[in-house]
Amino acid sequence: MNQSSTQASEQTYEEQFESSSSHQGAVILPTSINENEFQLVYQSREESVGGTKLRMAKNIVDFAKSYRCNYILLIDGSCWISPDKGISLLAQIEGNEKLDKYDYVVFPLDHATYIAKINEGIVVEERVRPTDQAVNYLQQQKTAEIAILAGGQAYEQLASHEFVVNCDLVLLTSESEAAKYRFKSLNLALITHKLFHQRLLIPVAYTAVPLIIIAFLFSPLYNIKKTKATYDVSGSFLDLDINSKVPRTLEPAVKKVPQAPKVILNNSASHVLIAISPWVTGNTIDFLKTCRLKSILLSKKYLIFTGERMSNIKKNQLGCGNARLDEIAQANNLELIRSENTWTFSLEIQPKTAQTTHRKVYSETLERLELLSQIIGLRLNILSTQKDGDKQRLKVLFQGKNLNTEILTILSQGLSKHAAEFIKGSIKFNPNNLDLIDAQLEIDIHTQSSDTL
């Protein structure tokens, strides 16, 4: 095949592809790596932004509007725009020291090959070609240094033409791992980077109303009024008055959730988060941390607390805190179990009966989760996405080093209208300085494609 015919076939391919997937701001390509699907954004328009935060926000919004794009990627003062969400390979390539000596970067996908031309660390051209055309193109670059990266199924065809892996750079394509290089909605990106723009006033006001209500519900004034009429569910489970002779009994077992129709799913995660809140925050945790608490395992029905045995100078004594822990366990009818080095007890939680709700739209659910993550300060990780036709089941993980009543309440409120099921969680502490080391909450969320509505 001569050069002119090769260029003609390449042009035909790209014209055919771009007629349905391109945009003046960027090209969007649904693709995959070893059958793991993702959306690639390439040939994205770029602009450098700087100055004050107000100036940056204005420049970013004006830049995106000029190309009618609603998604951006902002890294170190460089802003790329896109008409849709997706992942940038360019942002992972530029300035990478492993590529200093190369002129081209080749990343095989499953059914095509991505090629980036670089000059002094800057990507000057991006192309996605059918792999046979990519081979022809690369064979013509006789004097160029070409970096071949590990990737998808197209690598076999590249390797058969002696284009084998010669660079250990790993390009990230999964939603969770490539979070830093993922295009986000304009509003969410502005909030993430703490850039204020007047376009945020309406969504911020919309978000502020429920937060104000939540703040009132947890205010001392509201609690005083509430306790006059009913039991204070936000109180600690521990009977800290050890002189009391009347032990507190545990509540009855959790009521079984009535089975819902198959087309409707429960949103039990919202109720579980509220139910665990009194046990893992406030006075309860403040006391248990002084007893060298190490971890709490969370499930839909039980919490398991584990701590270190408290030592003392005299080896034949359990430690001054153990007597207090015994009295607390007895007063609350808790079965305290001690081994050689640890103590542990479990208790049953009683979330309200789960309500039922229909599936929400997949794309809108992801945006809501990302915004919720920013508000509560916990990282959002998409662990997996299981598809069944037009339905999806997302397994998500919220993770961070802070957990309090407000965080759990806001998260519960944010999930209250979604078909979300609490799976498991854990909280880890440093018994030496009482710090919270890590908190994880794993939740399944059921969604559906927008075109099924």
Protein backbone atom coordinates (compact mmCIF):
# COMPACT_ATOMS: atom_id res chain seq x y z
CA MET A 1 0.00 0.00 0.00
CA ASN A 2 1.52 3.33 -1.04
CA GLN A 3 1.55 6.43 1.12
CA SER A 4 -1.26 8.24 -0.68
CA SER A 5 -3.65 5.27 -0.41
CA THR A 6 -2.76 4.87 3.26
CA GLN A 7 -3.54 8.50 3.95
CA ALA A 8 -6.80 8.16 2.03
CA SER A 9 -7.94 5.17 4.08
CA GLU A 10 -6.93 6.92 7.30
CA GLN A 11 -8.89 10.00 6.27
CA THR A 12 -11.92 7.86 5.43
CA TYR A 13 -11.79 6.19 8.81
CA GLU A 14 -11.35 9.40 10.76
CA GLU A 15 -14.04 11.24 8.78
CA GLN A 16 -16.45 8.36 9.37
CA PHE A 17 -15.63 8.27 13.09
CA GLU A 18 -15.66 12.02 13.68
CA SER A 19 -18.99 12.43 11.88
CA SER A 20 -20.69 10.79 14.87
CA SER A 21 -18.25 11.23 17.76
CA SER A 22 -16.30 14.46 17.28
CA HIS A 23 -16.91 17.96 18.59
CA GLN A 24 -15.12 21.23 18.02
CA GLY A 25 -13.87 21.02 21.63
CA ALA A 26 -12.64 17.40 21.61
CA VAL A 27 -13.13 13.94 20.12
CA ILE A 28 -15.03 11.37 22.20
CA LEU A 29 -14.33 7.67 21.66
CA PRO A 30 -16.11 4.86 23.57
CA THR A 31 -13.47 2.13 23.65
CA SER A 32 -12.00 -0.56 25.90
CA ILE A 33 -8.81 -2.09 27.31
CA ASN A 34 -8.99 -5.87 27.67
CA GLU A 35 -12.81 -5.56 27.45
CA ASN A 36 -12.96 -3.01 30.28
CA GLU A 37 -14.91 -0.17 28.71
CA PHE A 38 -14.11 3.52 29.15
CA GLN A 39 -14.62 6.74 27.24
CA LEU A 40 -11.51 8.32 25.75
CA VAL A 41 -11.28 12.07 25.22
CA TYR A 42 -8.56 13.22 22.82
CA GLN A 43 -7.73 16.19 20.59
CA SER A 44 -9.16 18.32 23.38
CA ARG A 45 -8.77 22.09 23.20
CA GLU A 46 -6.39 23.40 25.85
CA GLU A 47 -5.84 26.77 27.47
CA SER A 48 -3.56 27.93 30.28
CA VAL A 49 -5.37 29.63 33.17
CA GLY A 50 -3.85 31.59 36.01
CA GLY A 51 -4.22 34.61 38.23
CA THR A 52 -6.63 34.91 41.13
CA LYS A 53 -9.25 32.24 41.75
CA LEU A 54 -12.00 34.57 40.50
CA ARG A 55 -10.03 35.26 37.31
CA MET A 56 -9.33 31.54 36.79
CA ALA A 57 -13.01 30.64 37.24
CA LYS A 58 -14.10 33.30 34.75
CA ASN A 59 -11.51 32.24 32.16
CA ILE A 60 -12.41 28.56 32.50
CA VAL A 61 -16.16 29.19 32.15
CA ASP A 62 -15.67 31.52 29.17
CA PHE A 63 -13.30 29.03 27.53
CA ALA A 64 -15.76 26.13 27.93
CA LYS A 65 -18.71 28.25 26.74
CA SER A 66 -16.86 29.37 23.61
CA TYR A 67 -16.80 25.73 22.45
CA ARG A 68 -20.15 24.81 24.01
CA CYS A 69 -18.50 22.23 26.29
CA ASN A 70 -19.78 21.31 29.73
CA TYR A 71 -16.87 19.17 30.96
CA ILE A 72 -13.34 20.20 31.87
CA LEU A 73 -10.06 18.77 33.15
CA LEU A 74 -7.90 21.12 35.21
CA ILE A 75 -4.33 20.15 36.14
CA ASP A 76 -1.55 22.53 37.23
CA GLY A 77 -2.97 25.58 35.47
CA SER A 78 -3.81 23.77 32.21
CA CYS A 79 -7.48 23.44 31.31
CA TRP A 80 -8.84 20.99 28.72
CA ILE A 81 -12.48 20.97 27.62
CA SER A 82 -14.84 18.27 26.38
CA PRO A 83 -18.49 17.91 25.37
CA ASP A 84 -18.80 14.79 27.52
CA LYS A 85 -17.13 12.99 30.39
CA GLY A 86 -14.19 10.72 29.74
CA ILE A 87 -10.51 10.08 30.47
CA SER A 88 -7.50 11.93 29.04
CA LEU A 89 -4.34 10.04 28.08
CA LEU A 90 -2.63 13.27 27.06
CA ALA A 91 -2.72 14.60 30.63
CA GLN A 92 -0.92 11.43 31.78
CA ILE A 93 1.71 11.65 29.05
CA GLU A 94 2.73 15.32 29.11
CA GLY A 95 5.78 16.07 31.23
CA ASN A 96 6.35 12.41 32.17
CA GLU A 97 10.07 11.83 32.70
CA LYS A 98 9.86 8.27 31.39
CA LEU A 99 9.14 9.68 27.92
CA ASP A 100 11.98 12.20 27.70
CA LYS A 101 13.84 10.37 24.93
CA TYR A 102 10.79 9.46 22.81
CA ASP A 103 9.09 11.15 19.84
CA TYR A 104 5.92 9.02 19.82
CA VAL A 105 3.85 7.21 22.44
CA VAL A 106 1.83 4.19 21.29
CA PHE A 107 -0.95 2.78 23.46
CA PRO A 108 -2.86 -0.23 22.04
CA LEU A 109 -6.58 -0.34 22.76
CA ASP A 110 -8.73 -3.38 22.02
CA HIS A 111 -9.86 -2.45 18.52
CA ALA A 112 -7.61 0.47 17.61
CA THR A 113 -4.34 2.12 18.60
CA TYR A 114 -3.76 5.49 20.22
CA ILE A 115 -0.69 7.42 19.03
CA ALA A 116 0.60 10.66 20.56
CA LYS A 117 3.40 12.68 19.02
CA ILE A 118 5.48 14.51 21.64
CA ASN A 119 8.07 17.26 21.44
CA GLU A 120 10.09 18.17 24.54
CA GLY A 121 7.47 16.60 26.80
CA ILE A 122 4.49 18.31 25.14
CA VAL A 123 1.89 16.38 23.14
CA VAL A 124 1.62 18.08 19.76
CA GLU A 125 -0.70 15.58 18.07
CA GLU A 126 -3.12 12.80 19.10
CA ARG A 127 -4.60 10.18 16.79
CA VAL A 128 -6.57 6.96 17.16
CA ARG A 129 -6.08 4.65 14.17
CA PRO A 130 -7.11 1.13 13.18
CA THR A 131 -4.16 -1.00 14.21
CA ASP A 132 -3.14 -1.98 10.65
CA GLN A 133 -3.01 1.71 9.72
CA ALA A 134 -1.11 2.44 12.95
CA VAL A 135 1.50 -0.17 11.96
CA ASN A 136 1.90 1.37 8.50
CA TYR A 137 2.24 4.83 9.99
CA LEU A 138 4.82 3.77 12.59
CA GLN A 139 6.88 1.89 10.01
CA GLN A 140 7.30 5.18 8.16
CA GLN A 141 8.84 6.87 11.22
CA LYS A 142 12.22 5.24 10.62
CA THR A 143 14.37 7.66 12.63
CA ALA A 144 11.89 8.35 15.45
CA GLU A 145 12.10 6.98 18.98
CA ILE A 146 8.80 5.22 19.68
CA ALA A 147 7.55 4.24 23.14
CA ILE A 148 5.31 1.16 23.04
CA LEU A 149 3.17 0.80 26.18
CA ALA A 150 1.30 -2.21 27.48
CA GLY A 151 -2.39 -1.98 26.74
CA GLY A 152 -5.27 -3.87 25.16
CA GLN A 153 -5.81 -6.63 22.62
CA ALA A 154 -4.45 -4.63 19.68
CA TYR A 155 -0.97 -5.16 21.12
CA GLU A 156 -0.74 -8.63 19.55
CA GLN A 157 -0.90 -7.12 16.07
CA LEU A 158 1.68 -4.46 16.97
CA ALA A 159 4.01 -7.07 18.45
CA SER A 160 3.73 -9.22 15.30
CA HIS A 161 5.34 -6.30 13.45
CA GLU A 162 8.12 -5.98 16.04
CA PHE A 163 6.53 -3.09 17.91
CA VAL A 164 6.97 -4.57 21.37
CA VAL A 165 6.66 -3.00 24.83
CA ASN A 166 9.77 -0.97 25.61
CA CYS A 167 8.46 1.49 28.24
CA ASP A 168 6.99 0.67 31.65
CA LEU A 169 4.73 3.74 31.82
CA VAL A 170 1.22 2.72 32.85
CA LEU A 171 -1.70 4.75 31.50
CA LEU A 172 -4.81 4.63 33.71
CA THR A 173 -8.24 4.06 32.17
CA SER A 174 -10.54 2.84 34.95
CA GLU A 175 -12.97 5.33 36.53
CA SER A 176 -11.53 5.00 40.03
CA GLU A 177 -7.80 4.87 39.23
CA ALA A 178 -7.88 7.66 36.65
CA ALA A 179 -9.93 10.09 38.76
CA LYS A 180 -7.27 12.80 38.47
CA TYR A 181 -7.37 12.58 34.66
CA ARG A 182 -11.15 12.34 34.25
CA PHE A 183 -13.18 15.17 32.73
CA LYS A 184 -15.76 16.43 35.24
CA SER A 185 -18.84 18.54 34.80
CA LEU A 186 -18.00 22.24 34.83
CA ASN A 187 -19.81 22.98 38.11
CA LEU A 188 -18.29 20.01 39.91
CA ALA A 189 -14.79 20.88 38.69
CA LEU A 190 -15.15 24.47 39.91
CA ILE A 191 -16.26 23.22 43.34
CA THR A 192 -13.46 20.62 43.46
CA HIS A 193 -10.78 23.26 42.81
CA LYS A 194 -12.48 25.83 45.09
CA LEU A 195 -13.08 28.27 42.25
CA PHE A 196 -16.11 30.54 42.67
CA HIS A 197 -18.27 31.62 39.73
CA GLN A 198 -21.75 33.10 39.68
CA ARG A 199 -23.06 30.05 37.79
CA LEU A 200 -22.64 28.12 41.07
CA LEU A 201 -25.12 30.27 42.99
CA ILE A 202 -28.20 28.28 42.00
CA PRO A 203 -26.80 24.73 42.68
CA VAL A 204 -25.13 25.97 45.90
CA ALA A 205 -28.41 27.47 47.08
CA TYR A 206 -30.18 24.23 46.18
CA THR A 207 -27.64 22.26 48.25
CA ALA A 208 -27.58 24.74 51.14
CA VAL A 209 -31.28 24.40 51.97
CA PRO A 210 -31.14 20.75 53.10
CA LEU A 211 -27.85 21.43 54.92
CA ILE A 212 -29.46 24.25 56.89
CA ILE A 213 -32.34 21.93 57.80
CA ILE A 214 -29.88 19.23 58.86
CA ALA A 215 -27.94 21.74 60.97
CA PHE A 216 -31.16 22.73 62.74
CA LEU A 217 -32.17 19.12 63.38
CA PHE A 218 -28.85 18.54 65.14
CA SER A 219 -28.82 21.82 67.03
CA PRO A 220 -29.10 21.78 70.85
CA LEU A 221 -32.39 23.71 70.70
CA TYR A 222 -34.02 21.09 68.51
CA ASN A 223 -32.69 18.24 70.67
CA ILE A 224 -34.09 19.84 73.82
CA LYS A 225 -37.55 20.05 72.27
CA LYS A 226 -37.33 16.54 70.87
CA THR A 227 -36.32 14.80 74.07
CA LYS A 228 -39.40 16.13 75.86
CA ALA A 229 -41.63 14.03 73.62
CA THR A 230 -39.62 11.02 72.50
CA TYR A 231 -36.46 8.95 72.97
CA ASP A 232 -33.23 10.70 71.84
CA VAL A 233 -31.95 8.43 69.07
CA SER A 234 -28.73 10.42 68.79
CA GLY A 235 -27.65 9.53 72.32
CA SER A 236 -24.79 7.21 73.14
CA PHE A 237 -25.40 3.49 73.56
CA LEU A 238 -23.12 3.47 76.60
CA ASP A 239 -24.45 3.94 80.09
CA LEU A 240 -21.63 6.13 81.36
CA ASP A 241 -23.13 6.35 84.84
CA ILE A 242 -21.42 3.32 86.33
CA ASN A 243 -23.09 3.89 89.73
CA SER A 244 -26.46 3.07 88.21
CA LYS A 245 -27.76 -0.29 89.42
CA VAL A 246 -30.27 -0.74 86.59
CA PRO A 247 -28.59 -2.19 83.52
CA ARG A 248 -29.81 -1.00 80.15
CA THR A 249 -31.09 -3.73 77.87
CA LEU A 250 -30.59 -4.02 74.18
CA GLU A 251 -33.46 -3.29 71.82
CA PRO A 252 -35.29 -6.18 70.10
CA ALA A 253 -33.81 -7.75 67.00
CA VAL A 254 -33.92 -5.96 63.69
CA LYS A 255 -37.27 -6.24 61.94
CA LYS A 256 -37.14 -8.00 58.60
CA VAL A 257 -37.55 -5.74 55.61
CA PRO A 258 -40.70 -6.71 53.67
CA GLN A 259 -39.96 -7.95 50.17
CA ALA A 260 -40.56 -5.36 47.50
CA PRO A 261 -41.60 -5.97 43.90
CA LYS A 262 -38.70 -6.89 41.65
CA VAL A 263 -38.87 -3.64 39.69
CA ILE A 264 -38.50 -1.57 42.86
CA LEU A 265 -35.43 -1.59 45.10
CA ASN A 266 -34.94 -0.48 48.67
CA ASN A 267 -32.80 2.42 49.79
CA SER A 268 -31.68 0.79 53.04
CA ALA A 269 -28.25 2.48 52.94
CA SER A 270 -29.82 5.75 54.05
CA HIS A 271 -31.37 4.14 57.15
CA VAL A 272 -28.29 2.06 58.03
CA LEU A 273 -26.09 5.17 58.03
CA ILE A 274 -28.45 6.92 60.46
CA ALA A 275 -28.65 3.80 62.65
CA ILE A 276 -24.87 3.43 63.02
CA SER A 277 -24.26 7.13 63.64
CA PRO A 278 -24.82 7.12 67.45
CA TRP A 279 -22.48 4.13 67.86
CA VAL A 280 -19.52 5.38 65.82
CA THR A 281 -19.52 9.10 66.65
CA GLY A 282 -19.80 11.39 69.67
CA ASN A 283 -19.37 10.35 73.30
CA THR A 284 -19.42 6.65 72.47
CA ILE A 285 -16.27 6.81 70.36
CA ASP A 286 -14.62 9.39 72.61
CA PHE A 287 -14.85 6.96 75.51
CA LEU A 288 -13.90 3.80 73.62
CA LYS A 289 -10.83 5.46 72.11
CA THR A 290 -9.53 5.97 75.65
CA CYS A 291 -9.85 2.17 76.01
CA ARG A 292 -7.42 1.72 73.09
CA LEU A 293 -10.07 1.12 70.43
CA LYS A 294 -8.49 -0.12 67.18
CA SER A 295 -11.32 -0.83 64.76
CA ILE A 296 -15.04 -1.05 64.11
CA LEU A 297 -16.44 -3.40 61.48
CA LEU A 298 -19.79 -2.32 60.04
CA SER A 299 -22.49 -4.45 58.47
CA LYS A 300 -26.22 -4.08 57.80
CA LYS A 301 -27.17 -5.51 61.19
CA TYR A 302 -24.12 -5.64 63.45
CA LEU A 303 -21.17 -3.57 64.61
CA ILE A 304 -18.04 -5.24 65.96
CA PHE A 305 -15.69 -3.18 68.16
CA THR A 306 -12.09 -4.32 68.76
CA GLY A 307 -9.41 -2.77 70.94
CA GLU A 308 -6.06 -3.55 72.53
CA ARG A 309 -5.77 -4.90 76.03
CA MET A 310 -4.76 -2.06 78.34
CA SER A 311 -1.44 -2.85 79.99
CA ASN A 312 -0.16 -1.76 83.36
CA ILE A 313 3.16 -1.78 85.18
CA LYS A 314 2.14 -4.92 87.07
CA LYS A 315 1.80 -7.80 84.65
CA ASN A 316 -0.77 -9.57 86.80
CA GLN A 317 -3.23 -6.69 86.35
CA LEU A 318 -5.31 -6.05 83.26
CA GLY A 319 -4.87 -2.29 83.41
CA CYS A 320 -6.71 0.55 85.07
CA GLY A 321 -9.10 1.00 82.12
CA ASN A 322 -10.28 -2.60 82.01
CA ALA A 323 -12.32 -2.36 85.18
CA ARG A 324 -14.19 0.61 83.74
CA LEU A 325 -14.74 -1.23 80.45
CA ASP A 326 -16.15 -4.22 82.37
CA GLU A 327 -18.62 -2.01 84.22
CA ILE A 328 -19.77 -0.35 81.00
CA ALA A 329 -20.27 -3.74 79.33
CA GLN A 330 -22.27 -5.01 82.28
CA ALA A 331 -24.44 -1.90 82.47
CA ASN A 332 -25.30 -2.21 78.76
CA ASN A 333 -25.67 -6.02 78.61
CA LEU A 334 -22.73 -6.32 76.22
CA GLU A 335 -20.78 -9.55 75.93
CA LEU A 336 -17.19 -8.42 76.29
CA ILE A 337 -14.68 -10.99 75.01
CA ARG A 338 -10.98 -10.83 75.85
CA SER A 339 -8.13 -12.68 74.23
CA GLU A 340 -4.47 -12.45 75.13
CA ASN A 341 -3.96 -9.05 73.47
CA THR A 342 -7.38 -7.70 72.49
CA TRP A 343 -10.91 -7.05 73.69
CA THR A 344 -14.01 -7.11 71.49
CA PHE A 345 -17.77 -6.89 71.63
CA SER A 346 -20.56 -6.74 69.05
CA LEU A 347 -23.98 -5.15 69.08
CA GLU A 348 -27.05 -5.25 66.91
CA ILE A 349 -28.25 -2.12 65.13
CA GLN A 350 -31.86 -1.48 64.23
CA PRO A 351 -32.27 0.64 61.11
CA LYS A 352 -35.76 1.68 60.12
CA THR A 353 -37.55 -0.43 57.57
CA ALA A 354 -36.19 0.44 54.16
CA GLN A 355 -38.36 2.45 51.85
CA THR A 356 -38.60 1.60 48.17
CA THR A 357 -37.59 3.63 45.16
CA HIS A 358 -37.08 3.26 41.42
CA ARG A 359 -33.69 3.32 39.75
CA LYS A 360 -32.24 6.74 38.96
CA VAL A 361 -30.39 7.67 35.76
CA TYR A 362 -26.79 6.38 35.69
CA SER A 363 -25.07 9.60 34.57
CA GLU A 364 -27.04 11.79 36.97
CA THR A 365 -26.31 9.38 39.83
CA LEU A 366 -22.56 9.58 39.19
CA GLU A 367 -22.64 13.38 39.21
CA ARG A 368 -24.67 13.36 42.45
CA LEU A 369 -22.17 10.97 44.07
CA GLU A 370 -19.20 13.11 43.02
CA LEU A 371 -20.83 16.27 44.36
CA LEU A 372 -21.75 14.47 47.58
CA SER A 373 -18.14 13.31 47.93
CA GLN A 374 -16.92 16.91 47.71
CA ILE A 375 -19.42 18.13 50.32
CA ILE A 376 -18.60 15.50 52.96
CA GLY A 377 -14.86 15.36 52.26
CA LEU A 378 -14.65 11.60 51.61
CA ARG A 379 -13.04 10.20 48.45
CA LEU A 380 -15.35 8.42 46.03
CA ASN A 381 -14.07 5.22 44.39
CA ILE A 382 -16.09 3.28 41.79
CA LEU A 383 -15.11 -0.30 42.63
CA SER A 384 -17.12 -1.98 39.87
CA THR A 385 -20.03 -1.57 37.47
CA GLN A 386 -22.18 -4.59 36.64
CA LYS A 387 -24.43 -4.20 33.61
CA ASP A 388 -27.64 -6.05 32.83
CA GLY A 389 -29.06 -4.62 29.64
CA ASP A 390 -30.06 -1.03 30.37
CA LYS A 391 -29.60 -1.50 34.13
CA GLN A 392 -26.41 -1.00 36.13
CA ARG A 393 -25.26 -1.92 39.61
CA LEU A 394 -22.55 0.36 40.95
CA LYS A 395 -20.33 -0.71 43.82
CA VAL A 396 -18.93 2.49 45.34
CA LEU A 397 -16.60 3.17 48.26
CA PHE A 398 -16.49 6.37 50.31
CA GLN A 399 -13.15 6.66 52.08
CA GLY A 400 -11.36 9.23 54.23
CA LYS A 401 -9.84 10.15 57.57
CA ASN A 402 -12.84 11.94 59.04
CA LEU A 403 -16.25 10.64 60.12
CA ASN A 404 -18.82 12.41 62.26
CA THR A 405 -22.56 12.78 62.72
CA GLU A 406 -22.84 15.54 60.12
CA ILE A 407 -21.04 13.48 57.46
CA LEU A 408 -23.24 10.44 58.02
CA THR A 409 -26.40 12.55 58.04
CA ILE A 410 -25.55 14.39 54.83
CA LEU A 411 -24.60 11.11 53.12
CA SER A 412 -27.85 9.54 54.31
CA GLN A 413 -29.86 12.47 52.99
CA GLY A 414 -28.00 12.40 49.69
CA LEU A 415 -28.79 8.70 49.17
CA SER A 416 -32.36 8.80 50.51
CA LYS A 417 -33.95 8.98 47.04
CA HIS A 418 -31.68 6.38 45.45
CA ALA A 419 -31.87 2.59 45.33
CA ALA A 420 -28.80 2.20 47.52
CA GLU A 421 -27.88 -0.76 49.73
CA PHE A 422 -25.26 -0.60 52.49
CA ILE A 423 -22.84 -3.53 52.10
CA LYS A 424 -20.08 -3.12 54.68
CA GLY A 425 -17.65 -0.69 56.22
CA SER A 426 -14.75 -0.26 58.60
CA ILE A 427 -13.25 2.42 60.83
CA LYS A 428 -9.66 2.19 62.07
CA PHE A 429 -8.04 4.13 64.91
CA ASN A 430 -4.53 4.63 66.24
CA PRO A 431 -4.79 3.56 69.90
CA ASN A 432 -1.68 5.53 70.80
CA ASN A 433 -2.90 9.00 69.82
CA LEU A 434 -6.66 8.33 69.41
CA ASP A 435 -6.61 9.51 65.77
CA LEU A 436 -8.95 8.10 63.12
CA ILE A 437 -6.70 6.44 60.53
CA ASP A 438 -9.21 5.35 57.90
CA ALA A 439 -12.99 5.13 57.41
CA GLN A 440 -14.59 3.14 54.57
CA LEU A 441 -18.24 2.78 53.58
CA GLU A 442 -19.11 0.37 50.74
CA ILE A 443 -22.50 0.84 49.08
CA ASP A 444 -24.30 -0.73 46.10
CA ILE A 445 -26.41 1.63 43.98
CA HIS A 446 -28.84 0.50 41.29
CA THR A 447 -29.27 2.75 38.22
CA GLN A 448 -30.58 2.65 34.67
CA SER A 449 -29.78 4.25 31.33
CA SER A 450 -31.48 7.54 30.56
CA ASP A 451 -33.00 6.25 27.33
CA THR A 452 -35.16 3.77 29.28
CA LEU A 453 -37.07 6.50 31.09
